[in-house]
Amino acid sequence: MTTEDIRKYGMIPEFVGRLPMIYTLEGLDKDMLVQILKEPKNAILKQYQKLLELDEVKLCFDEDALEMIAEKAMERETGARALRSIIDEFMLDIMYEIPKDDNIGSVTITKAYIEGKGAPLIELRA
């Protein structure tokens, strides 16, 4: 739909200029959401990895965990906006606990942790 279509419908130009244009788009699927998590330059996963690098801790995410996060986002039906809130929810405890322990070398987020059935895999430094 263009502004010309709206004018042909009978709206005056002064009113048409104030309307936002609305388009119907396809919803994001699970693969697209996982791609949004991993690939952009400023992806949320990369942001968390950089934050933990400041404490010299390596952060990894299992593919199954990423798919589970994408599924949770699809359940909320808010598209990619849900990804940050879901990851923030699971990373909150990790972000508070990791800096306290200097022995932790790496943390791997697993599907079991996202499902609430387990904990992240923590490896100590050698």
Protein backbone atom coordinates (compact mmCIF):
# COMPACT_ATOMS: atom_id res chain seq x y z
CA MET A 1 0.00 0.00 0.00
CA THR A 2 1.35 3.41 -0.93
CA THR A 3 0.31 6.95 -0.11
CA GLU A 4 -1.21 7.20 -3.57
CA ASP A 5 -3.52 4.27 -2.80
CA ILE A 6 -4.71 6.00 0.35
CA ARG A 7 -5.29 9.27 -1.55
CA LYS A 8 -7.32 7.41 -4.19
CA TYR A 9 -9.39 5.97 -1.36
CA GLY A 10 -10.35 9.53 -0.42
CA MET A 11 -8.01 10.69 2.34
CA ILE A 12 -6.69 14.24 2.13
CA PRO A 13 -2.90 14.67 1.64
CA GLU A 14 -2.44 16.48 4.98
CA PHE A 15 -3.80 13.44 6.79
CA VAL A 16 -1.95 10.89 4.65
CA GLY A 17 1.45 12.41 5.49
CA ARG A 18 0.86 11.74 9.19
CA LEU A 19 0.05 8.04 8.82
CA PRO A 20 2.74 5.42 9.24
CA MET A 21 2.78 2.85 6.49
CA ILE A 22 1.90 -0.66 7.64
CA TYR A 23 3.06 -3.74 5.78
CA THR A 24 2.33 -7.37 6.42
CA LEU A 25 5.48 -9.46 6.79
CA GLU A 26 6.10 -13.13 7.36
CA GLY A 27 6.88 -14.13 10.93
CA LEU A 28 10.38 -15.24 11.85
CA ASP A 29 10.99 -18.97 12.06
CA LYS A 30 13.28 -20.77 14.51
CA ASP A 31 16.30 -20.78 12.20
CA MET A 32 15.99 -17.05 11.59
CA LEU A 33 15.83 -16.34 15.33
CA VAL A 34 18.95 -18.45 15.96
CA GLN A 35 20.67 -16.55 13.17
CA ILE A 36 19.68 -13.24 14.80
CA LEU A 37 21.18 -14.48 18.07
CA LYS A 38 24.54 -15.37 16.51
CA GLU A 39 25.36 -13.46 13.36
CA PRO A 40 24.88 -9.68 13.60
CA LYS A 41 27.92 -7.62 14.51
CA ASN A 42 26.30 -6.55 17.79
CA ALA A 43 24.46 -9.84 18.48
CA ILE A 44 23.35 -10.40 22.06
CA LEU A 45 25.43 -13.56 22.38
CA LYS A 46 28.54 -11.64 21.37
CA GLN A 47 27.71 -8.94 23.92
CA TYR A 48 27.56 -11.45 26.76
CA GLN A 49 30.73 -13.16 25.55
CA LYS A 50 32.56 -9.82 25.63
CA LEU A 51 31.26 -9.07 29.11
CA LEU A 52 32.55 -12.37 30.45
CA GLU A 53 35.86 -11.95 28.61
CA LEU A 54 36.48 -8.99 30.92
CA ASP A 55 36.62 -11.55 33.74
CA GLU A 56 38.69 -13.90 31.53
CA VAL A 57 35.85 -16.39 31.22
CA LYS A 58 34.85 -18.01 27.92
CA LEU A 59 31.10 -18.21 27.30
CA CYS A 60 29.66 -20.79 24.89
CA PHE A 61 26.12 -21.72 23.87
CA ASP A 62 25.10 -25.18 22.67
CA GLU A 63 23.14 -25.22 19.42
CA ASP A 64 20.30 -27.01 21.22
CA ALA A 65 20.19 -24.21 23.79
CA LEU A 66 19.96 -21.60 21.03
CA GLU A 67 17.12 -23.50 19.39
CA MET A 68 15.30 -23.71 22.73
CA ILE A 69 15.69 -19.95 23.21
CA ALA A 70 14.27 -19.41 19.72
CA GLU A 71 11.32 -21.69 20.52
CA LYS A 72 10.60 -19.73 23.70
CA ALA A 73 10.69 -16.51 21.66
CA MET A 74 8.23 -17.98 19.16
CA GLU A 75 5.88 -18.90 22.03
CA ARG A 76 5.85 -15.27 23.18
CA GLU A 77 4.92 -14.20 19.64
CA THR A 78 6.90 -10.97 19.82
CA GLY A 79 9.55 -11.91 17.28
CA ALA A 80 13.19 -11.05 17.85
CA ARG A 81 12.32 -8.64 20.66
CA ALA A 82 11.75 -11.59 22.97
CA LEU A 83 15.30 -12.91 22.49
CA ARG A 84 17.00 -10.35 24.73
CA SER A 85 14.56 -10.75 27.60
CA ILE A 86 14.83 -14.54 27.47
CA ILE A 87 18.64 -14.53 27.47
CA ASP A 88 18.77 -11.84 30.17
CA GLU A 89 16.57 -14.04 32.33
CA PHE A 90 18.99 -16.97 32.11
CA MET A 91 22.21 -14.98 32.24
CA LEU A 92 21.30 -12.98 35.34
CA ASP A 93 22.61 -15.54 37.87
CA ILE A 94 25.67 -16.29 35.76
CA MET A 95 26.62 -12.62 35.46
CA TYR A 96 26.50 -12.22 39.25
CA GLU A 97 28.23 -15.48 40.21
CA ILE A 98 31.05 -15.74 37.65
CA PRO A 99 33.03 -12.62 38.69
CA LYS A 100 33.10 -13.87 42.31
CA ASP A 101 35.06 -17.04 41.44
CA ASP A 102 38.49 -16.61 39.84
CA ASN A 103 38.81 -20.37 39.20
CA ILE A 104 36.12 -20.48 36.49
CA GLY A 105 37.58 -20.72 32.98
CA SER A 106 34.53 -21.30 30.79
CA VAL A 107 30.75 -21.56 30.98
CA THR A 108 28.60 -23.45 28.49
CA ILE A 109 24.87 -22.75 28.35
CA THR A 110 23.01 -26.00 27.68
CA LYS A 111 19.50 -26.91 26.62
CA ALA A 112 18.87 -28.45 30.06
CA TYR A 113 19.68 -25.09 31.70
CA ILE A 114 17.29 -23.24 29.39
CA GLU A 115 14.57 -25.81 30.13
CA GLY A 116 15.16 -25.38 33.87
CA LYS A 117 16.26 -29.01 34.31
CA GLY A 118 19.93 -28.47 34.88
CA ALA A 119 22.78 -26.03 35.31
CA PRO A 120 25.27 -24.57 32.87
CA LEU A 121 28.49 -26.52 32.37
CA ILE A 122 31.30 -24.79 34.23
CA GLU A 123 34.93 -25.66 33.58
CA LEU A 124 37.66 -24.58 35.96
CA ARG A 125 40.99 -23.17 34.88
CA ALA A 126 43.89 -25.60 34.70
